[in-house]
């Protein structure tokens, strides 16, 4: 478990600027229309679900394959929860088409089990959990208790379980110095891309306090 603890500390240090940007926006009375921000969540949920499903056929380890299956199903469920909330807010989900971004281009390029665990379960879900906490605080401030309830009761517990599953699996499969370095490099690269992608989106939206990864 020493490696997992080290990896978690490494990840937390590099995740901090992303989460800090969201808290800064929140403290500055973040702008951004709820419908617009939830569309970002909608795109992320379906992208993660599709990613995990795409990894399944080429992942040999059965427990990892099943972890991705669980992730794909959970994220699809999150998509439906967010879609229902957007429908209640008057948004036509039927016409929604998520756009691709460099984060998922990078994720789809990963071919080894250790890379996929480190990226898809250990890191991606940590980003999502952290930025969702900021987004929930924004919704709470605005009195959008229905959106907060969706995240608190369903989405966040799932994201936390995915992270925990990732920690267990990375401990099992990153068993050599080379594989552990590969895992750390993957975490670093993913957070680097995520930081740049979210900064670009924040400039467009006028706030860094938005959900998803």
N, C-alpha and C. Protein backbone atom coordinates (compact mmCIF):
# COMPACT_ATOMS: atom_id res chain seq x y z
N UNK A 1 0.82 -1.22 0.00
CA UNK A 1 0.00 0.00 0.00
C UNK A 1 0.85 1.27 0.00
N UNK A 2 2.15 1.15 0.24
CA UNK A 2 3.00 2.33 0.26
C UNK A 2 2.96 3.04 -1.08
N UNK A 3 2.98 2.25 -2.18
CA UNK A 3 2.94 2.86 -3.50
C UNK A 3 1.63 3.61 -3.72
N UNK A 4 0.52 3.02 -3.30
CA UNK A 4 -0.78 3.66 -3.48
C UNK A 4 -0.83 4.98 -2.72
N UNK A 5 -0.31 4.98 -1.50
CA UNK A 5 -0.28 6.22 -0.72
C UNK A 5 0.57 7.28 -1.42
N UNK A 6 1.70 6.87 -1.95
CA UNK A 6 2.56 7.82 -2.67
C UNK A 6 1.86 8.35 -3.92
N UNK A 7 1.18 7.46 -4.64
CA UNK A 7 0.49 7.87 -5.85
C UNK A 7 -0.66 8.83 -5.53
N UNK A 8 -1.37 8.56 -4.44
CA UNK A 8 -2.46 9.45 -4.03
C UNK A 8 -1.93 10.83 -3.66
N UNK A 9 -0.81 10.89 -2.98
CA UNK A 9 -0.22 12.17 -2.62
C UNK A 9 0.24 12.92 -3.86
N UNK A 10 0.85 12.20 -4.79
CA UNK A 10 1.30 12.78 -6.06
C UNK A 10 0.11 13.35 -6.83
N UNK A 11 -0.96 12.56 -6.90
CA UNK A 11 -2.18 12.98 -7.61
C UNK A 11 -2.81 14.20 -6.95
N UNK A 12 -2.92 14.18 -5.64
CA UNK A 12 -3.56 15.28 -4.91
C UNK A 12 -2.83 16.60 -5.12
N UNK A 13 -1.50 16.52 -5.13
CA UNK A 13 -0.70 17.73 -5.32
C UNK A 13 -0.96 18.36 -6.69
N UNK A 14 -1.09 17.52 -7.71
CA UNK A 14 -1.28 18.03 -9.06
C UNK A 14 -2.74 18.32 -9.38
N UNK A 15 -3.64 17.76 -8.60
CA UNK A 15 -5.06 18.06 -8.76
C UNK A 15 -5.44 19.37 -8.08
N UNK A 16 -4.66 19.77 -7.09
CA UNK A 16 -5.00 20.95 -6.28
C UNK A 16 -5.25 22.22 -7.09
N UNK A 17 -4.43 22.54 -8.11
CA UNK A 17 -4.71 23.77 -8.88
C UNK A 17 -6.06 23.74 -9.60
N UNK A 18 -6.46 22.57 -10.07
CA UNK A 18 -7.76 22.46 -10.76
C UNK A 18 -8.89 22.73 -9.78
N UNK A 19 -8.82 22.13 -8.61
CA UNK A 19 -9.87 22.33 -7.61
C UNK A 19 -9.81 23.74 -7.04
N UNK A 20 -8.60 24.27 -6.90
CA UNK A 20 -8.46 25.63 -6.40
C UNK A 20 -9.07 26.65 -7.33
N UNK A 21 -8.95 26.43 -8.65
CA UNK A 21 -9.55 27.35 -9.61
C UNK A 21 -11.06 27.39 -9.45
N UNK A 22 -11.66 26.23 -9.21
CA UNK A 22 -13.10 26.18 -8.99
C UNK A 22 -13.51 26.90 -7.73
N UNK A 23 -12.75 26.73 -6.66
CA UNK A 23 -13.07 27.42 -5.40
C UNK A 23 -12.90 28.93 -5.55
N UNK A 24 -11.91 29.34 -6.32
CA UNK A 24 -11.71 30.78 -6.56
C UNK A 24 -12.91 31.37 -7.30
N UNK A 25 -13.39 30.66 -8.30
CA UNK A 25 -14.58 31.12 -9.03
C UNK A 25 -15.79 31.18 -8.11
N UNK A 26 -15.89 30.19 -7.24
CA UNK A 26 -17.02 30.15 -6.31
C UNK A 26 -16.97 31.34 -5.36
N UNK A 27 -15.78 31.63 -4.85
CA UNK A 27 -15.62 32.76 -3.93
C UNK A 27 -15.89 34.09 -4.61
N UNK A 28 -15.66 34.12 -5.92
CA UNK A 28 -15.88 35.35 -6.69
C UNK A 28 -17.30 35.43 -7.25
N UNK A 29 -18.20 34.62 -6.67
CA UNK A 29 -19.60 34.59 -7.11
C UNK A 29 -19.67 34.14 -8.57
N UNK A 30 -19.29 32.90 -8.81
CA UNK A 30 -19.19 32.33 -10.15
C UNK A 30 -20.45 32.54 -10.97
N UNK A 31 -20.22 32.86 -12.23
CA UNK A 31 -21.32 33.00 -13.17
C UNK A 31 -21.54 31.66 -13.86
N UNK A 32 -22.35 31.65 -14.90
CA UNK A 32 -22.59 30.42 -15.65
C UNK A 32 -24.01 29.94 -15.46
N UNK A 33 -24.68 29.74 -16.56
CA UNK A 33 -26.06 29.27 -16.53
C UNK A 33 -26.10 27.79 -16.14
N UNK A 34 -27.04 27.42 -15.26
CA UNK A 34 -27.12 26.04 -14.77
C UNK A 34 -27.29 25.05 -15.91
N UNK A 35 -28.10 25.40 -16.88
CA UNK A 35 -28.33 24.50 -18.01
C UNK A 35 -27.05 24.30 -18.81
N UNK A 36 -26.31 25.37 -19.00
CA UNK A 36 -25.04 25.29 -19.73
C UNK A 36 -24.03 24.44 -18.98
N UNK A 37 -23.93 24.63 -17.67
CA UNK A 37 -22.97 23.88 -16.88
C UNK A 37 -23.33 22.39 -16.81
N UNK A 38 -24.60 22.08 -16.73
CA UNK A 38 -25.02 20.69 -16.68
C UNK A 38 -24.81 19.97 -18.01
N UNK A 39 -24.79 20.72 -19.10
CA UNK A 39 -24.47 20.09 -20.39
C UNK A 39 -23.03 19.57 -20.41
N UNK A 40 -22.14 20.26 -19.71
CA UNK A 40 -20.76 19.78 -19.60
C UNK A 40 -20.75 18.45 -18.86
N UNK A 41 -21.53 18.38 -17.78
CA UNK A 41 -21.63 17.12 -17.04
C UNK A 41 -22.19 16.02 -17.93
N UNK A 42 -23.19 16.35 -18.72
CA UNK A 42 -23.83 15.37 -19.60
C UNK A 42 -22.81 14.79 -20.58
N UNK A 43 -22.00 15.67 -21.18
CA UNK A 43 -20.98 15.22 -22.13
C UNK A 43 -19.94 14.34 -21.44
N UNK A 44 -19.51 14.73 -20.26
CA UNK A 44 -18.50 13.96 -19.56
C UNK A 44 -19.01 12.58 -19.16
N UNK A 45 -20.24 12.52 -18.70
CA UNK A 45 -20.78 11.24 -18.25
C UNK A 45 -20.83 10.23 -19.40
N UNK A 46 -21.30 10.65 -20.56
CA UNK A 46 -21.40 9.71 -21.68
C UNK A 46 -20.01 9.39 -22.23
N UNK A 47 -19.10 10.36 -22.22
CA UNK A 47 -17.75 10.09 -22.70
C UNK A 47 -17.03 9.07 -21.82
N UNK A 48 -17.19 9.20 -20.50
CA UNK A 48 -16.54 8.23 -19.60
C UNK A 48 -17.17 6.85 -19.75
N UNK A 49 -18.49 6.81 -19.90
CA UNK A 49 -19.17 5.53 -20.07
C UNK A 49 -18.68 4.83 -21.34
N UNK A 50 -18.58 5.59 -22.43
CA UNK A 50 -18.13 5.01 -23.70
C UNK A 50 -16.66 4.57 -23.60
N UNK A 51 -15.86 5.34 -22.91
CA UNK A 51 -14.44 5.00 -22.75
C UNK A 51 -14.28 3.67 -22.02
N UNK A 52 -14.94 3.55 -20.87
CA UNK A 52 -14.83 2.33 -20.09
C UNK A 52 -15.34 1.13 -20.88
N UNK A 53 -16.41 1.31 -21.62
CA UNK A 53 -16.95 0.22 -22.43
C UNK A 53 -15.98 -0.16 -23.55
N UNK A 54 -15.32 0.82 -24.14
CA UNK A 54 -14.37 0.56 -25.22
C UNK A 54 -13.14 -0.18 -24.73
N UNK A 55 -12.75 0.05 -23.47
CA UNK A 55 -11.59 -0.62 -22.90
C UNK A 55 -11.85 -2.09 -22.57
N UNK A 56 -13.09 -2.44 -22.34
CA UNK A 56 -13.40 -3.80 -21.88
C UNK A 56 -12.88 -4.91 -22.79
N UNK A 57 -13.12 -4.88 -24.09
CA UNK A 57 -12.72 -6.02 -24.93
C UNK A 57 -11.22 -6.26 -24.99
N UNK A 58 -10.42 -5.23 -24.78
CA UNK A 58 -8.97 -5.39 -24.89
C UNK A 58 -8.28 -5.39 -23.52
N UNK A 59 -9.05 -5.52 -22.46
CA UNK A 59 -8.49 -5.68 -21.12
C UNK A 59 -8.57 -7.15 -20.74
N UNK A 60 -7.43 -7.78 -20.52
CA UNK A 60 -7.40 -9.23 -20.30
C UNK A 60 -7.77 -9.61 -18.87
N UNK A 61 -7.37 -8.79 -17.91
CA UNK A 61 -7.60 -9.13 -16.50
C UNK A 61 -9.08 -9.03 -16.17
N UNK A 62 -9.67 -10.13 -15.72
CA UNK A 62 -11.11 -10.18 -15.54
C UNK A 62 -11.62 -9.17 -14.52
N UNK A 63 -10.90 -9.00 -13.41
CA UNK A 63 -11.39 -8.06 -12.40
C UNK A 63 -11.34 -6.62 -12.90
N UNK A 64 -10.35 -6.30 -13.72
CA UNK A 64 -10.28 -4.95 -14.29
C UNK A 64 -11.36 -4.77 -15.35
N UNK A 65 -11.56 -5.81 -16.16
CA UNK A 65 -12.62 -5.77 -17.17
C UNK A 65 -13.97 -5.49 -16.52
N UNK A 66 -14.23 -6.18 -15.40
CA UNK A 66 -15.50 -5.99 -14.70
C UNK A 66 -15.58 -4.62 -14.03
N UNK A 67 -14.43 -4.10 -13.60
CA UNK A 67 -14.43 -2.74 -13.03
C UNK A 67 -14.83 -1.72 -14.09
N UNK A 68 -14.33 -1.89 -15.30
CA UNK A 68 -14.71 -0.98 -16.38
C UNK A 68 -16.18 -1.16 -16.75
N UNK A 69 -16.67 -2.38 -16.67
CA UNK A 69 -18.09 -2.62 -16.94
C UNK A 69 -18.96 -1.89 -15.93
N UNK A 70 -18.56 -1.96 -14.68
CA UNK A 70 -19.30 -1.26 -13.62
C UNK A 70 -19.24 0.25 -13.84
N UNK A 71 -18.05 0.73 -14.18
CA UNK A 71 -17.89 2.17 -14.42
C UNK A 71 -18.76 2.61 -15.59
N UNK A 72 -18.75 1.84 -16.67
CA UNK A 72 -19.56 2.20 -17.84
C UNK A 72 -21.04 2.27 -17.49
N UNK A 73 -21.52 1.30 -16.72
CA UNK A 73 -22.93 1.30 -16.34
C UNK A 73 -23.28 2.44 -15.40
N UNK A 74 -22.41 2.69 -14.41
CA UNK A 74 -22.66 3.78 -13.47
C UNK A 74 -22.69 5.13 -14.17
N UNK A 75 -21.73 5.34 -15.07
CA UNK A 75 -21.66 6.64 -15.75
C UNK A 75 -22.85 6.83 -16.70
N UNK A 76 -23.31 5.74 -17.30
CA UNK A 76 -24.52 5.83 -18.12
C UNK A 76 -25.72 6.22 -17.26
N UNK A 77 -25.76 5.68 -16.04
CA UNK A 77 -26.82 6.07 -15.11
C UNK A 77 -26.73 7.53 -14.72
N UNK A 78 -25.51 8.02 -14.54
CA UNK A 78 -25.32 9.45 -14.23
C UNK A 78 -25.79 10.31 -15.40
N UNK A 79 -25.49 9.86 -16.61
CA UNK A 79 -25.95 10.58 -17.80
C UNK A 79 -27.47 10.74 -17.76
N UNK A 80 -28.16 9.67 -17.42
CA UNK A 80 -29.63 9.73 -17.41
C UNK A 80 -30.14 10.66 -16.30
N UNK A 81 -29.49 10.64 -15.14
CA UNK A 81 -29.88 11.53 -14.05
C UNK A 81 -29.71 13.00 -14.46
N UNK A 82 -28.57 13.32 -15.06
CA UNK A 82 -28.32 14.70 -15.49
C UNK A 82 -29.26 15.07 -16.62
N UNK A 83 -29.51 14.12 -17.53
CA UNK A 83 -30.43 14.38 -18.64
C UNK A 83 -31.83 14.70 -18.12
N UNK A 84 -32.28 13.95 -17.13
CA UNK A 84 -33.60 14.19 -16.55
C UNK A 84 -33.65 15.57 -15.89
N UNK A 85 -32.58 15.95 -15.23
CA UNK A 85 -32.54 17.27 -14.59
C UNK A 85 -32.57 18.37 -15.64
N UNK A 86 -31.82 18.19 -16.71
CA UNK A 86 -31.82 19.18 -17.78
C UNK A 86 -33.20 19.29 -18.43
N UNK A 87 -33.86 18.16 -18.61
CA UNK A 87 -35.22 18.18 -19.17
C UNK A 87 -36.15 18.97 -18.27
N UNK A 88 -36.01 18.79 -16.97
CA UNK A 88 -36.84 19.53 -16.01
C UNK A 88 -36.57 21.03 -16.08
N UNK A 89 -35.34 21.39 -16.50
CA UNK A 89 -34.98 22.81 -16.64
C UNK A 89 -35.33 23.36 -18.01
N UNK A 90 -35.93 22.52 -18.86
CA UNK A 90 -36.39 22.99 -20.17
C UNK A 90 -35.44 22.76 -21.32
N UNK A 91 -34.40 21.96 -21.11
CA UNK A 91 -33.42 21.70 -22.17
C UNK A 91 -33.81 20.46 -22.95
N UNK A 92 -33.69 20.51 -24.28
CA UNK A 92 -34.04 19.39 -25.15
C UNK A 92 -32.83 18.45 -25.27
N UNK A 93 -32.82 17.41 -24.45
CA UNK A 93 -31.69 16.49 -24.44
C UNK A 93 -31.62 15.67 -25.73
N UNK A 94 -32.74 15.48 -26.40
CA UNK A 94 -32.77 14.66 -27.61
C UNK A 94 -31.83 15.21 -28.68
N UNK A 95 -31.63 16.52 -28.68
CA UNK A 95 -30.77 17.12 -29.69
C UNK A 95 -29.34 17.31 -29.23
N UNK A 96 -29.00 16.74 -28.08
CA UNK A 96 -27.67 16.95 -27.52
C UNK A 96 -26.63 16.07 -28.22
N UNK A 97 -25.51 16.66 -28.58
CA UNK A 97 -24.42 15.91 -29.20
C UNK A 97 -23.11 16.33 -28.53
N UNK A 98 -22.52 15.47 -27.70
CA UNK A 98 -21.29 15.85 -27.01
C UNK A 98 -20.13 16.02 -27.98
N UNK A 99 -19.30 16.99 -27.70
CA UNK A 99 -18.11 17.22 -28.52
C UNK A 99 -16.92 16.50 -27.90
N UNK A 100 -15.96 16.16 -28.73
CA UNK A 100 -14.76 15.49 -28.24
C UNK A 100 -13.81 16.52 -27.67
N UNK A 101 -12.87 16.07 -26.86
CA UNK A 101 -11.85 16.99 -26.33
C UNK A 101 -10.54 16.23 -26.15
N UNK A 102 -9.43 16.94 -26.01
CA UNK A 102 -8.12 16.29 -25.93
C UNK A 102 -7.98 15.29 -24.78
N UNK A 103 -8.74 15.51 -23.73
CA UNK A 103 -8.66 14.59 -22.59
C UNK A 103 -9.04 13.19 -22.99
N UNK A 104 -10.15 13.06 -23.69
CA UNK A 104 -10.62 11.73 -24.07
C UNK A 104 -9.84 11.17 -25.26
N UNK A 105 -9.29 12.03 -26.07
CA UNK A 105 -8.38 11.56 -27.12
C UNK A 105 -7.18 10.87 -26.48
N UNK A 106 -6.63 11.48 -25.44
CA UNK A 106 -5.51 10.88 -24.73
C UNK A 106 -5.92 9.56 -24.07
N UNK A 107 -7.04 9.57 -23.39
CA UNK A 107 -7.49 8.37 -22.68
C UNK A 107 -7.69 7.19 -23.63
N UNK A 108 -8.26 7.45 -24.80
CA UNK A 108 -8.48 6.37 -25.75
C UNK A 108 -7.18 5.79 -26.30
N UNK A 109 -6.09 6.55 -26.17
CA UNK A 109 -4.80 6.07 -26.68
C UNK A 109 -4.11 5.10 -25.73
N UNK A 110 -4.59 4.97 -24.51
CA UNK A 110 -3.92 4.13 -23.52
C UNK A 110 -4.20 2.65 -23.79
N UNK A 111 -3.17 1.85 -23.76
CA UNK A 111 -3.32 0.45 -24.15
C UNK A 111 -3.03 -0.56 -23.05
N UNK A 112 -2.31 -0.16 -22.00
CA UNK A 112 -1.96 -1.12 -20.96
C UNK A 112 -2.94 -1.05 -19.79
N UNK A 113 -3.04 -2.13 -19.08
CA UNK A 113 -3.96 -2.19 -17.94
C UNK A 113 -3.59 -1.19 -16.86
N UNK A 114 -2.31 -1.07 -16.55
CA UNK A 114 -1.88 -0.14 -15.51
C UNK A 114 -2.21 1.29 -15.90
N UNK A 115 -1.97 1.67 -17.15
CA UNK A 115 -2.31 3.02 -17.61
C UNK A 115 -3.81 3.27 -17.48
N UNK A 116 -4.58 2.32 -17.89
CA UNK A 116 -6.04 2.50 -17.88
C UNK A 116 -6.59 2.60 -16.45
N UNK A 117 -6.06 1.78 -15.55
CA UNK A 117 -6.50 1.89 -14.15
C UNK A 117 -6.10 3.25 -13.58
N UNK A 118 -4.84 3.63 -13.80
CA UNK A 118 -4.33 4.89 -13.25
C UNK A 118 -5.10 6.08 -13.79
N UNK A 119 -5.46 6.01 -15.07
CA UNK A 119 -6.15 7.14 -15.69
C UNK A 119 -7.65 7.11 -15.42
N UNK A 120 -8.29 5.99 -15.79
CA UNK A 120 -9.75 5.95 -15.79
C UNK A 120 -10.40 5.82 -14.43
N UNK A 121 -9.76 5.11 -13.52
CA UNK A 121 -10.35 4.90 -12.20
C UNK A 121 -9.69 5.74 -11.12
N UNK A 122 -8.36 5.75 -11.09
CA UNK A 122 -7.67 6.47 -10.02
C UNK A 122 -7.77 7.99 -10.21
N UNK A 123 -7.54 8.47 -11.42
CA UNK A 123 -7.41 9.92 -11.63
C UNK A 123 -8.67 10.58 -12.16
N UNK A 124 -9.24 10.04 -13.22
CA UNK A 124 -10.42 10.67 -13.82
C UNK A 124 -11.54 10.83 -12.81
N UNK A 125 -11.74 9.79 -12.01
CA UNK A 125 -12.82 9.85 -11.03
C UNK A 125 -12.49 10.81 -9.88
N UNK A 126 -11.19 10.98 -9.58
CA UNK A 126 -10.80 11.95 -8.56
C UNK A 126 -11.06 13.38 -9.03
N UNK A 127 -10.75 13.63 -10.30
CA UNK A 127 -11.07 14.95 -10.86
C UNK A 127 -12.57 15.20 -10.76
N UNK A 128 -13.33 14.23 -11.23
CA UNK A 128 -14.79 14.39 -11.23
C UNK A 128 -15.33 14.65 -9.83
N UNK A 129 -14.87 13.86 -8.86
CA UNK A 129 -15.37 14.02 -7.50
C UNK A 129 -15.06 15.41 -6.96
N UNK A 130 -13.82 15.86 -7.16
CA UNK A 130 -13.41 17.16 -6.63
C UNK A 130 -14.15 18.32 -7.27
N UNK A 131 -14.23 18.33 -8.59
CA UNK A 131 -14.89 19.47 -9.25
C UNK A 131 -16.40 19.42 -9.02
N UNK A 132 -16.94 18.21 -8.85
CA UNK A 132 -18.37 18.11 -8.54
C UNK A 132 -18.68 18.71 -7.17
N UNK A 133 -17.76 18.58 -6.21
CA UNK A 133 -17.98 19.18 -4.90
C UNK A 133 -18.08 20.71 -5.03
N UNK A 134 -17.22 21.30 -5.85
CA UNK A 134 -17.30 22.74 -6.08
C UNK A 134 -18.62 23.11 -6.75
N UNK A 135 -19.01 22.31 -7.73
CA UNK A 135 -20.25 22.58 -8.46
C UNK A 135 -21.46 22.46 -7.53
N UNK A 136 -21.45 21.47 -6.66
CA UNK A 136 -22.53 21.33 -5.69
C UNK A 136 -22.64 22.56 -4.79
N UNK A 137 -21.50 23.09 -4.39
CA UNK A 137 -21.50 24.29 -3.55
C UNK A 137 -22.11 25.47 -4.31
N UNK A 138 -21.80 25.56 -5.60
CA UNK A 138 -22.39 26.62 -6.43
C UNK A 138 -23.90 26.45 -6.52
N UNK A 139 -24.35 25.22 -6.77
CA UNK A 139 -25.80 24.96 -6.86
C UNK A 139 -26.49 25.24 -5.53
N UNK A 140 -25.84 24.86 -4.44
CA UNK A 140 -26.41 25.11 -3.11
C UNK A 140 -26.58 26.61 -2.89
N UNK A 141 -25.58 27.36 -3.27
CA UNK A 141 -25.63 28.82 -3.11
C UNK A 141 -26.78 29.42 -3.91
N UNK A 142 -27.07 28.83 -5.05
CA UNK A 142 -28.13 29.35 -5.92
C UNK A 142 -29.51 28.80 -5.58
N UNK A 143 -29.56 27.89 -4.62
CA UNK A 143 -30.84 27.32 -4.23
C UNK A 143 -31.31 26.19 -5.12
N UNK A 144 -30.40 25.63 -5.93
CA UNK A 144 -30.75 24.52 -6.82
C UNK A 144 -30.56 23.20 -6.07
N UNK A 145 -31.47 22.94 -5.17
CA UNK A 145 -31.34 21.78 -4.29
C UNK A 145 -31.58 20.46 -5.01
N UNK A 146 -32.35 20.50 -6.10
CA UNK A 146 -32.61 19.27 -6.86
C UNK A 146 -31.32 18.75 -7.50
N UNK A 147 -30.53 19.66 -8.07
CA UNK A 147 -29.27 19.24 -8.67
C UNK A 147 -28.31 18.75 -7.59
N UNK A 148 -28.24 19.43 -6.47
CA UNK A 148 -27.37 19.01 -5.37
C UNK A 148 -27.74 17.59 -4.92
N UNK A 149 -29.03 17.31 -4.83
CA UNK A 149 -29.48 16.00 -4.36
C UNK A 149 -29.04 14.89 -5.30
N UNK A 150 -29.07 15.14 -6.60
CA UNK A 150 -28.64 14.14 -7.58
C UNK A 150 -27.17 13.79 -7.36
N UNK A 151 -26.36 14.82 -7.18
CA UNK A 151 -24.93 14.59 -6.99
C UNK A 151 -24.64 13.94 -5.64
N UNK A 152 -25.29 14.43 -4.59
CA UNK A 152 -24.99 13.93 -3.25
C UNK A 152 -25.46 12.49 -3.06
N UNK A 153 -26.62 12.17 -3.60
CA UNK A 153 -27.20 10.86 -3.34
C UNK A 153 -26.72 9.77 -4.30
N UNK A 154 -26.39 10.15 -5.52
CA UNK A 154 -26.10 9.14 -6.53
C UNK A 154 -24.70 9.26 -7.15
N UNK A 155 -24.40 10.43 -7.71
CA UNK A 155 -23.19 10.55 -8.50
C UNK A 155 -21.93 10.49 -7.65
N UNK A 156 -21.86 11.29 -6.60
CA UNK A 156 -20.64 11.33 -5.79
C UNK A 156 -20.31 10.00 -5.10
N UNK A 157 -21.28 9.30 -4.53
CA UNK A 157 -20.94 7.99 -3.95
C UNK A 157 -20.37 7.02 -4.98
N UNK A 158 -20.89 7.05 -6.21
CA UNK A 158 -20.35 6.19 -7.25
C UNK A 158 -18.92 6.58 -7.60
N UNK A 159 -18.67 7.88 -7.74
CA UNK A 159 -17.33 8.34 -8.09
C UNK A 159 -16.32 7.91 -7.02
N UNK A 160 -16.74 7.99 -5.77
CA UNK A 160 -15.87 7.59 -4.67
C UNK A 160 -15.57 6.09 -4.71
N UNK A 161 -16.58 5.30 -5.02
CA UNK A 161 -16.39 3.84 -5.12
C UNK A 161 -15.45 3.50 -6.28
N UNK A 162 -15.59 4.22 -7.38
CA UNK A 162 -14.71 3.97 -8.52
C UNK A 162 -13.25 4.26 -8.15
N UNK A 163 -13.03 5.36 -7.44
CA UNK A 163 -11.68 5.69 -6.98
C UNK A 163 -11.11 4.57 -6.10
N UNK A 164 -11.91 4.11 -5.15
CA UNK A 164 -11.46 3.06 -4.23
C UNK A 164 -11.14 1.77 -4.97
N UNK A 165 -11.97 1.45 -5.95
CA UNK A 165 -11.71 0.27 -6.76
C UNK A 165 -10.41 0.43 -7.54
N UNK A 166 -10.19 1.62 -8.07
CA UNK A 166 -8.95 1.90 -8.78
C UNK A 166 -7.73 1.74 -7.89
N UNK A 167 -7.82 2.19 -6.66
CA UNK A 167 -6.70 2.05 -5.72
C UNK A 167 -6.38 0.57 -5.46
N UNK A 168 -7.41 -0.22 -5.30
CA UNK A 168 -7.21 -1.65 -5.07
C UNK A 168 -6.55 -2.32 -6.28
N UNK A 169 -7.00 -1.94 -7.46
CA UNK A 169 -6.48 -2.58 -8.67
C UNK A 169 -5.07 -2.11 -9.02
N UNK A 170 -4.78 -0.83 -8.78
CA UNK A 170 -3.43 -0.36 -9.09
C UNK A 170 -2.43 -0.99 -8.13
N UNK A 171 -2.84 -1.23 -6.90
CA UNK A 171 -1.97 -1.93 -5.95
C UNK A 171 -1.70 -3.36 -6.39
N UNK A 172 -2.68 -3.98 -7.01
CA UNK A 172 -2.55 -5.36 -7.46
C UNK A 172 -1.67 -5.49 -8.70
N UNK A 173 -1.80 -4.53 -9.64
CA UNK A 173 -1.16 -4.71 -10.94
C UNK A 173 0.09 -3.86 -11.16
N UNK A 174 0.27 -2.78 -10.44
CA UNK A 174 1.50 -1.98 -10.56
C UNK A 174 2.49 -2.48 -9.52
N UNK A 175 3.13 -3.59 -9.83
CA UNK A 175 3.92 -4.31 -8.82
C UNK A 175 5.42 -4.19 -9.02
N UNK A 176 5.86 -3.52 -10.06
CA UNK A 176 7.29 -3.33 -10.30
C UNK A 176 7.59 -1.84 -10.35
N UNK A 177 8.84 -1.45 -10.14
CA UNK A 177 9.18 -0.03 -10.25
C UNK A 177 8.82 0.57 -11.60
N UNK A 178 8.96 -0.23 -12.65
CA UNK A 178 8.64 0.26 -13.99
C UNK A 178 7.14 0.52 -14.15
N UNK A 179 6.34 -0.39 -13.67
CA UNK A 179 4.88 -0.22 -13.77
C UNK A 179 4.40 0.90 -12.86
N UNK A 180 5.01 1.04 -11.71
CA UNK A 180 4.63 2.13 -10.81
C UNK A 180 4.99 3.48 -11.40
N UNK A 181 6.13 3.55 -12.09
CA UNK A 181 6.50 4.79 -12.76
C UNK A 181 5.55 5.09 -13.90
N UNK A 182 5.13 4.05 -14.61
CA UNK A 182 4.16 4.21 -15.69
C UNK A 182 2.85 4.77 -15.15
N UNK A 183 2.41 4.24 -14.02
CA UNK A 183 1.17 4.74 -13.40
C UNK A 183 1.30 6.20 -13.02
N UNK A 184 2.42 6.56 -12.42
CA UNK A 184 2.62 7.95 -12.01
C UNK A 184 2.70 8.88 -13.22
N UNK A 185 3.37 8.44 -14.27
CA UNK A 185 3.46 9.27 -15.48
C UNK A 185 2.09 9.47 -16.10
N UNK A 186 1.27 8.44 -16.05
CA UNK A 186 -0.08 8.53 -16.60
C UNK A 186 -0.93 9.52 -15.81
N UNK A 187 -0.84 9.44 -14.50
CA UNK A 187 -1.55 10.39 -13.64
C UNK A 187 -1.12 11.82 -13.96
N UNK A 188 0.17 12.03 -14.06
CA UNK A 188 0.70 13.38 -14.32
C UNK A 188 0.22 13.91 -15.66
N UNK A 189 0.29 13.07 -16.69
CA UNK A 189 -0.11 13.52 -18.03
C UNK A 189 -1.61 13.81 -18.09
N UNK A 190 -2.41 12.96 -17.49
CA UNK A 190 -3.85 13.17 -17.51
C UNK A 190 -4.22 14.47 -16.80
N UNK A 191 -3.61 14.74 -15.67
CA UNK A 191 -3.92 15.96 -14.94
C UNK A 191 -3.41 17.20 -15.67
N UNK A 192 -2.31 17.05 -16.38
CA UNK A 192 -1.81 18.16 -17.20
C UNK A 192 -2.81 18.51 -18.30
N UNK A 193 -3.32 17.50 -18.98
CA UNK A 193 -4.30 17.74 -20.05
C UNK A 193 -5.61 18.27 -19.47
N UNK A 194 -6.04 17.67 -18.35
CA UNK A 194 -7.29 18.11 -17.72
C UNK A 194 -7.20 19.56 -17.29
N UNK A 195 -6.07 19.96 -16.73
CA UNK A 195 -5.91 21.34 -16.31
C UNK A 195 -6.01 22.30 -17.47
N UNK A 196 -5.36 21.96 -18.58
CA UNK A 196 -5.40 22.82 -19.76
C UNK A 196 -6.79 22.86 -20.37
N UNK A 197 -7.44 21.72 -20.44
CA UNK A 197 -8.78 21.64 -21.03
C UNK A 197 -9.79 22.42 -20.21
N UNK A 198 -9.72 22.29 -18.89
CA UNK A 198 -10.66 23.00 -18.03
C UNK A 198 -10.38 24.50 -18.03
N UNK A 199 -9.11 24.89 -18.14
CA UNK A 199 -8.79 26.31 -18.20
C UNK A 199 -9.38 26.95 -19.46
N UNK A 200 -9.30 26.23 -20.57
CA UNK A 200 -9.90 26.72 -21.82
C UNK A 200 -11.41 26.85 -21.69
N UNK A 201 -12.03 25.84 -21.10
CA UNK A 201 -13.48 25.88 -20.90
C UNK A 201 -13.87 27.00 -19.93
N UNK A 202 -13.07 27.21 -18.89
CA UNK A 202 -13.36 28.26 -17.91
C UNK A 202 -13.33 29.64 -18.56
N UNK A 203 -12.38 29.84 -19.47
CA UNK A 203 -12.30 31.13 -20.17
C UNK A 203 -13.53 31.35 -21.03
N UNK A 204 -14.02 30.28 -21.62
CA UNK A 204 -15.23 30.39 -22.46
C UNK A 204 -16.48 30.60 -21.63
N UNK A 205 -16.57 29.92 -20.48
CA UNK A 205 -17.78 29.96 -19.66
C UNK A 205 -17.80 31.14 -18.69
N UNK A 206 -16.63 31.67 -18.39
CA UNK A 206 -16.55 32.75 -17.40
C UNK A 206 -16.51 32.25 -15.98
N UNK A 207 -16.28 30.93 -15.81
CA UNK A 207 -16.18 30.35 -14.47
C UNK A 207 -15.42 29.04 -14.56
N UNK A 208 -14.67 28.71 -13.51
CA UNK A 208 -13.99 27.42 -13.42
C UNK A 208 -14.76 26.46 -12.53
N UNK A 209 -15.94 26.88 -12.09
CA UNK A 209 -16.74 26.07 -11.18
C UNK A 209 -17.80 25.32 -11.96
N UNK A 210 -17.37 24.26 -12.63
CA UNK A 210 -18.33 23.46 -13.40
C UNK A 210 -18.04 21.98 -13.19
N UNK A 211 -19.01 21.12 -13.42
CA UNK A 211 -18.88 19.70 -13.06
C UNK A 211 -18.12 18.88 -14.08
N UNK A 212 -18.03 17.58 -13.79
CA UNK A 212 -17.43 16.64 -14.72
C UNK A 212 -15.93 16.59 -14.57
N UNK A 213 -15.25 16.04 -15.56
CA UNK A 213 -13.81 15.89 -15.50
C UNK A 213 -13.15 16.80 -16.53
